[in-house]
Amino acid sequence: MLKLLFWLLLIGNAALFAMQRGYLGATAAERHEPKRLAQQLHPETLTILPANSEKLVTPAKADAPDAAVATADIAKDRKPDATPPETKAAADPDPVAPPAPVVACTEMGNFNAVEVRKFDIQLSSLNLAIKPTTRSVQEAASHMVYIPSQDGKEGAERKSAELRRLGIQDFYVMPESQPNPALRWAISLGVFKTEEAAKAYIGRLIPQGVRSARIMARNVTSNKQAYQWRNVDAATKTALDGLKAKFPNQEMRNCPG
């Protein structure tokens, strides 16, 4: 093994010596400068030109016409759209917007005699193309919360005792002489100005155990007036909304069926 290693080292050293002497060809040092320059053929014919020399740009001039055409074509393709936005908008108008929905019928009221005169003055100043029609409105002057009659006088007495056990003392048993037969021996639990107040009172009675109470309108009158407009477009609807704001106590609603 040692003999083999000895002979390998000896062969390697001999090869390295032959390469340095040039027996195996040019050495590594001969392939670098300046010896390579010394081996050039006719170096006197070489000329170093400046960067702006005409000899450098002359060949490019031969292709100038074609290059100019190509440049012009590219510029034409890339030319920005210089059309003013206003002109483009006129040339390409927006699609026609769909017409605003039309309200079939809207109603405002209920006005008493004094309010009607004030409303007519405000309405005439608007000069609306759509003229209103009027109708009389029956409005209840009051609303009664009551328990309907049950088995005549005996039923009214039993119901009265039940109400007392539930802690309700404010009620009135309507006598048999009541002109309205539906109210004979009924029990009145209170009379209210508006239906909303009557409903609110029933809402307080239910948790106490009273579930048979009803609401009845009383003293019905017909001295109120409502106004109706049909086929109301958007402009008219806007004008009516502004008019409604001047009469905050009035209601605007769809016309009753």
Protein backbone atom coordinates (compact mmCIF):
# COMPACT_ATOMS: atom_id res chain seq x y z
CA MET A 1 0.00 0.00 0.00
CA LEU A 2 2.79 2.44 0.85
CA LYS A 3 4.58 1.59 -2.37
CA LEU A 4 1.45 2.41 -4.38
CA LEU A 5 1.05 5.75 -2.62
CA PHE A 6 4.74 6.52 -3.25
CA TRP A 7 4.46 5.86 -6.99
CA LEU A 8 1.24 7.97 -7.27
CA LEU A 9 2.91 10.93 -5.63
CA LEU A 10 5.94 10.51 -7.87
CA ILE A 11 3.80 10.44 -11.03
CA GLY A 12 1.84 13.51 -9.88
CA ASN A 13 5.00 15.51 -9.25
CA ALA A 14 6.42 14.52 -12.64
CA ALA A 15 3.24 15.66 -14.41
CA LEU A 16 3.24 18.98 -12.56
CA PHE A 17 6.91 19.52 -13.49
CA ALA A 18 6.20 18.80 -17.18
CA MET A 19 3.28 21.29 -17.23
CA GLN A 20 5.39 24.06 -15.70
CA ARG A 21 8.13 23.48 -18.25
CA GLY A 22 5.72 23.62 -21.13
CA TYR A 23 6.27 20.06 -22.23
CA LEU A 24 2.50 19.48 -22.21
CA GLY A 25 1.52 22.79 -23.94
CA ALA A 26 1.15 26.46 -22.92
CA THR A 27 1.35 27.17 -19.27
CA ALA A 28 -1.37 28.90 -17.30
CA ALA A 29 0.74 32.06 -17.07
CA GLU A 30 1.04 32.22 -20.87
CA ARG A 31 -2.75 32.35 -21.26
CA HIS A 32 -2.99 35.64 -19.32
CA GLU A 33 -1.93 39.19 -20.10
CA PRO A 34 0.54 40.53 -21.32
CA LYS A 35 1.75 37.48 -23.26
CA ARG A 36 -1.62 37.19 -25.04
CA LEU A 37 -1.23 40.75 -26.29
CA ALA A 38 2.22 39.93 -27.60
CA GLN A 39 0.70 37.10 -29.67
CA GLN A 40 -1.85 39.38 -31.48
CA LEU A 41 -1.68 39.57 -35.27
CA HIS A 42 -1.26 43.09 -36.80
CA PRO A 43 -2.19 45.08 -33.70
CA GLU A 44 -1.35 48.33 -35.57
CA THR A 45 -4.62 48.02 -37.57
CA LEU A 46 -6.76 48.34 -34.43
CA THR A 47 -8.27 51.79 -33.73
CA ILE A 48 -10.04 52.84 -30.51
CA LEU A 49 -13.03 55.06 -31.34
CA PRO A 50 -14.76 57.54 -28.99
CA ALA A 51 -18.32 56.81 -27.87
CA ASN A 52 -19.82 59.58 -30.12
CA SER A 53 -17.87 58.65 -33.23
CA GLU A 54 -19.83 58.86 -36.52
CA LYS A 55 -18.40 55.49 -37.47
CA LEU A 56 -20.34 53.98 -34.62
CA VAL A 57 -23.72 55.57 -35.48
CA THR A 58 -23.46 55.39 -39.29
CA PRO A 59 -24.57 51.74 -39.49
CA ALA A 60 -27.62 52.54 -37.46
CA LYS A 61 -28.55 55.34 -39.91
CA ALA A 62 -28.96 52.84 -42.67
CA ASP A 63 -31.93 51.35 -40.86
CA ALA A 64 -33.32 54.75 -39.82
CA PRO A 65 -36.29 54.83 -42.24
CA ASP A 66 -37.56 51.42 -41.17
CA ALA A 67 -36.95 52.27 -37.54
CA ALA A 68 -38.84 55.56 -37.94
CA VAL A 69 -41.79 53.75 -39.51
CA ALA A 70 -41.79 51.17 -36.74
CA THR A 71 -41.57 53.92 -34.11
CA ALA A 72 -44.44 55.80 -35.74
CA ASP A 73 -46.59 52.65 -35.79
CA ILE A 74 -45.87 51.98 -32.13
CA ALA A 75 -46.61 55.60 -31.22
CA LYS A 76 -49.85 55.41 -33.15
CA ASP A 77 -50.87 52.26 -31.30
CA ARG A 78 -49.92 53.77 -27.95
CA LYS A 79 -51.29 57.25 -28.57
CA PRO A 80 -53.33 58.25 -25.50
CA ASP A 81 -56.97 59.14 -25.87
CA ALA A 82 -56.92 62.95 -25.81
CA THR A 83 -60.69 63.29 -26.22
CA PRO A 84 -62.02 65.64 -23.50
CA PRO A 85 -64.28 63.94 -20.93
CA GLU A 86 -67.14 66.24 -21.91
CA THR A 87 -66.87 65.18 -25.57
CA LYS A 88 -66.74 61.52 -24.61
CA ALA A 89 -69.77 61.95 -22.40
CA ALA A 90 -71.65 63.57 -25.28
CA ALA A 91 -70.57 60.85 -27.70
CA ASP A 92 -71.39 58.03 -25.29
CA PRO A 93 -74.41 59.17 -23.26
CA ASP A 94 -75.41 57.18 -20.23
CA PRO A 95 -78.28 54.72 -20.66
CA VAL A 96 -81.67 56.26 -20.08
CA ALA A 97 -82.58 55.80 -16.42
CA PRO A 98 -85.82 53.91 -15.76
CA PRO A 99 -88.74 56.13 -14.78
CA ALA A 100 -89.36 56.59 -11.07
CA PRO A 101 -92.13 54.43 -9.62
CA VAL A 102 -95.58 55.99 -9.49
CA VAL A 103 -97.65 55.79 -6.31
CA ALA A 104 -101.11 54.54 -7.18
CA CYS A 105 -102.90 56.54 -4.50
CA THR A 106 -101.85 58.42 -1.38
CA GLU A 107 -104.05 60.07 1.23
CA MET A 108 -103.49 62.80 3.80
CA GLY A 109 -105.80 63.72 6.66
CA ASN A 110 -107.92 63.89 8.80
CA PHE A 111 -108.60 67.67 8.83
CA ASN A 112 -111.27 69.50 10.76
CA ALA A 113 -112.99 72.56 9.34
CA VAL A 114 -110.33 75.01 10.55
CA GLU A 115 -107.45 72.85 9.34
CA VAL A 116 -109.10 72.39 5.93
CA ARG A 117 -108.97 76.14 5.23
CA LYS A 118 -105.27 76.36 6.18
CA PHE A 119 -104.42 73.26 4.17
CA ASP A 120 -106.22 74.51 1.05
CA ILE A 121 -104.14 77.71 1.09
CA GLN A 122 -100.86 75.80 1.37
CA LEU A 123 -101.92 73.28 -1.27
CA SER A 124 -102.92 75.90 -3.85
CA SER A 125 -99.50 77.58 -3.55
CA LEU A 126 -97.81 74.39 -4.82
CA ASN A 127 -99.64 74.42 -8.18
CA LEU A 128 -99.47 70.65 -8.43
CA ALA A 129 -100.34 69.08 -11.77
CA ILE A 130 -102.25 66.33 -9.97
CA LYS A 131 -105.40 67.63 -8.33
CA PRO A 132 -106.73 65.90 -5.20
CA THR A 133 -110.12 64.51 -4.40
CA THR A 134 -111.64 64.68 -0.91
CA ARG A 135 -113.64 62.29 1.20
CA SER A 136 -115.40 62.51 4.53
CA VAL A 137 -113.82 60.60 7.40
CA GLN A 138 -115.72 59.11 10.30
CA GLU A 139 -113.54 59.48 13.36
CA ALA A 140 -114.31 58.10 16.78
CA ALA A 141 -114.30 60.76 19.47
CA SER A 142 -113.46 58.20 22.17
CA HIS A 143 -112.73 54.51 22.69
CA MET A 144 -114.14 52.38 25.49
CA VAL A 145 -112.43 49.34 26.96
CA TYR A 146 -115.11 46.93 28.13
CA ILE A 147 -115.96 43.31 28.88
CA PRO A 148 -118.96 42.11 26.86
CA SER A 149 -122.13 41.00 28.62
CA GLN A 150 -122.15 37.39 29.89
CA ASP A 151 -125.43 35.82 31.09
CA GLY A 152 -127.14 39.11 31.94
CA LYS A 153 -127.11 40.57 35.43
CA GLU A 154 -125.88 37.38 37.14
CA GLY A 155 -122.95 37.14 34.73
CA ALA A 156 -122.05 40.79 35.31
CA GLU A 157 -122.06 40.23 39.10
CA ARG A 158 -119.77 37.17 38.79
CA LYS A 159 -117.38 39.06 36.53
CA SER A 160 -117.35 42.04 38.91
CA ALA A 161 -116.37 39.77 41.82
CA GLU A 162 -113.60 38.24 39.69
CA LEU A 163 -112.22 41.69 38.81
CA ARG A 164 -112.09 42.64 42.49
CA ARG A 165 -110.16 39.44 43.30
CA LEU A 166 -107.65 40.42 40.57
CA GLY A 167 -107.19 43.80 42.26
CA ILE A 168 -109.13 45.84 39.68
CA GLN A 169 -111.55 48.29 41.31
CA ASP A 170 -112.03 50.91 38.57
CA PHE A 171 -114.92 49.55 36.46
CA TYR A 172 -118.60 50.22 35.85
CA VAL A 173 -121.43 47.74 35.24
CA MET A 174 -123.66 49.10 32.50
CA PRO A 175 -127.39 48.75 33.36
CA GLU A 176 -130.13 47.05 31.41
CA SER A 177 -131.43 50.49 30.39
CA GLN A 178 -128.41 50.99 28.13
CA PRO A 179 -129.67 52.06 24.65
CA ASN A 180 -127.21 49.80 22.89
CA PRO A 181 -128.36 46.19 23.46
CA ALA A 182 -124.78 44.91 23.01
CA LEU A 183 -123.70 46.91 26.07
CA ARG A 184 -126.51 45.88 28.51
CA TRP A 185 -124.85 44.33 31.59
CA ALA A 186 -121.42 44.83 30.00
CA ILE A 187 -118.59 46.07 32.18
CA SER A 188 -116.81 49.29 31.24
CA LEU A 189 -113.15 49.42 32.25
CA GLY A 190 -112.45 52.96 31.00
CA VAL A 191 -112.92 55.46 28.17
CA PHE A 192 -109.89 56.79 26.25
CA LYS A 193 -109.33 59.57 23.75
CA THR A 194 -107.37 57.48 21.25
CA GLU A 195 -107.38 53.85 20.21
CA GLU A 196 -103.66 53.59 20.99
CA ALA A 197 -104.31 54.56 24.62
CA ALA A 198 -107.09 51.98 24.86
CA LYS A 199 -104.82 49.25 23.46
CA ALA A 200 -102.09 50.23 25.90
CA TYR A 201 -104.51 49.83 28.82
CA ILE A 202 -105.55 46.37 27.64
CA GLY A 203 -101.87 45.51 27.51
CA ARG A 204 -101.63 46.32 31.23
CA LEU A 205 -104.76 44.31 32.06
CA ILE A 206 -103.63 41.06 30.44
CA PRO A 207 -100.78 40.38 32.92
CA GLN A 208 -103.32 40.88 35.74
CA GLY A 209 -105.49 38.08 34.37
CA VAL A 210 -108.08 40.03 32.33
CA ARG A 211 -108.18 38.52 28.85
CA SER A 212 -111.76 39.15 27.69
CA ALA A 213 -111.55 42.97 27.39
CA ARG A 214 -112.48 44.58 24.06
CA ILE A 215 -112.38 48.07 22.49
CA MET A 216 -115.42 49.93 21.16
CA ALA A 217 -115.44 53.31 19.36
CA ARG A 218 -117.95 55.82 20.76
CA ASN A 219 -119.46 59.15 19.66
CA VAL A 220 -118.65 58.65 15.96
CA THR A 221 -118.52 61.93 14.00
CA SER A 222 -118.10 62.73 10.27
CA ASN A 223 -116.84 66.30 10.29
CA LYS A 224 -113.28 65.40 9.19
CA GLN A 225 -111.91 65.53 5.64
CA ALA A 226 -109.09 63.64 3.89
CA TYR A 227 -107.35 64.42 0.58
CA GLN A 228 -106.39 61.81 -2.01
CA TRP A 229 -103.96 61.99 -4.98
CA ARG A 230 -103.80 59.24 -7.60
CA ASN A 231 -100.91 58.24 -9.90
CA VAL A 232 -98.45 60.32 -7.90
CA ASP A 233 -95.05 60.76 -9.57
CA ALA A 234 -91.77 61.37 -7.72
CA ALA A 235 -91.92 65.18 -7.99
CA THR A 236 -95.46 65.33 -6.63
CA LYS A 237 -94.58 62.92 -3.83
CA THR A 238 -91.68 65.14 -2.78
CA ALA A 239 -93.94 68.22 -2.76
CA LEU A 240 -96.58 66.40 -0.68
CA ASP A 241 -93.95 65.28 1.83
CA GLY A 242 -92.91 68.89 2.29
CA LEU A 243 -96.56 69.92 2.73
CA LYS A 244 -97.09 67.15 5.28
CA ALA A 245 -94.20 68.54 7.35
CA LYS A 246 -96.23 71.73 7.87
CA PHE A 247 -99.07 69.69 9.41
CA PRO A 248 -97.24 67.31 11.79
CA ASN A 249 -100.45 66.08 13.44
CA GLN A 250 -101.78 64.71 10.17
CA GLU A 251 -101.04 61.29 8.70
CA MET A 252 -100.00 60.41 5.14
CA ARG A 253 -100.98 56.87 4.14
CA ASN A 254 -102.01 54.69 1.24
CA CYS A 255 -105.59 55.12 0.18
CA PRO A 256 -107.94 52.64 1.85
CA GLY A 257 -108.96 49.74 -0.33
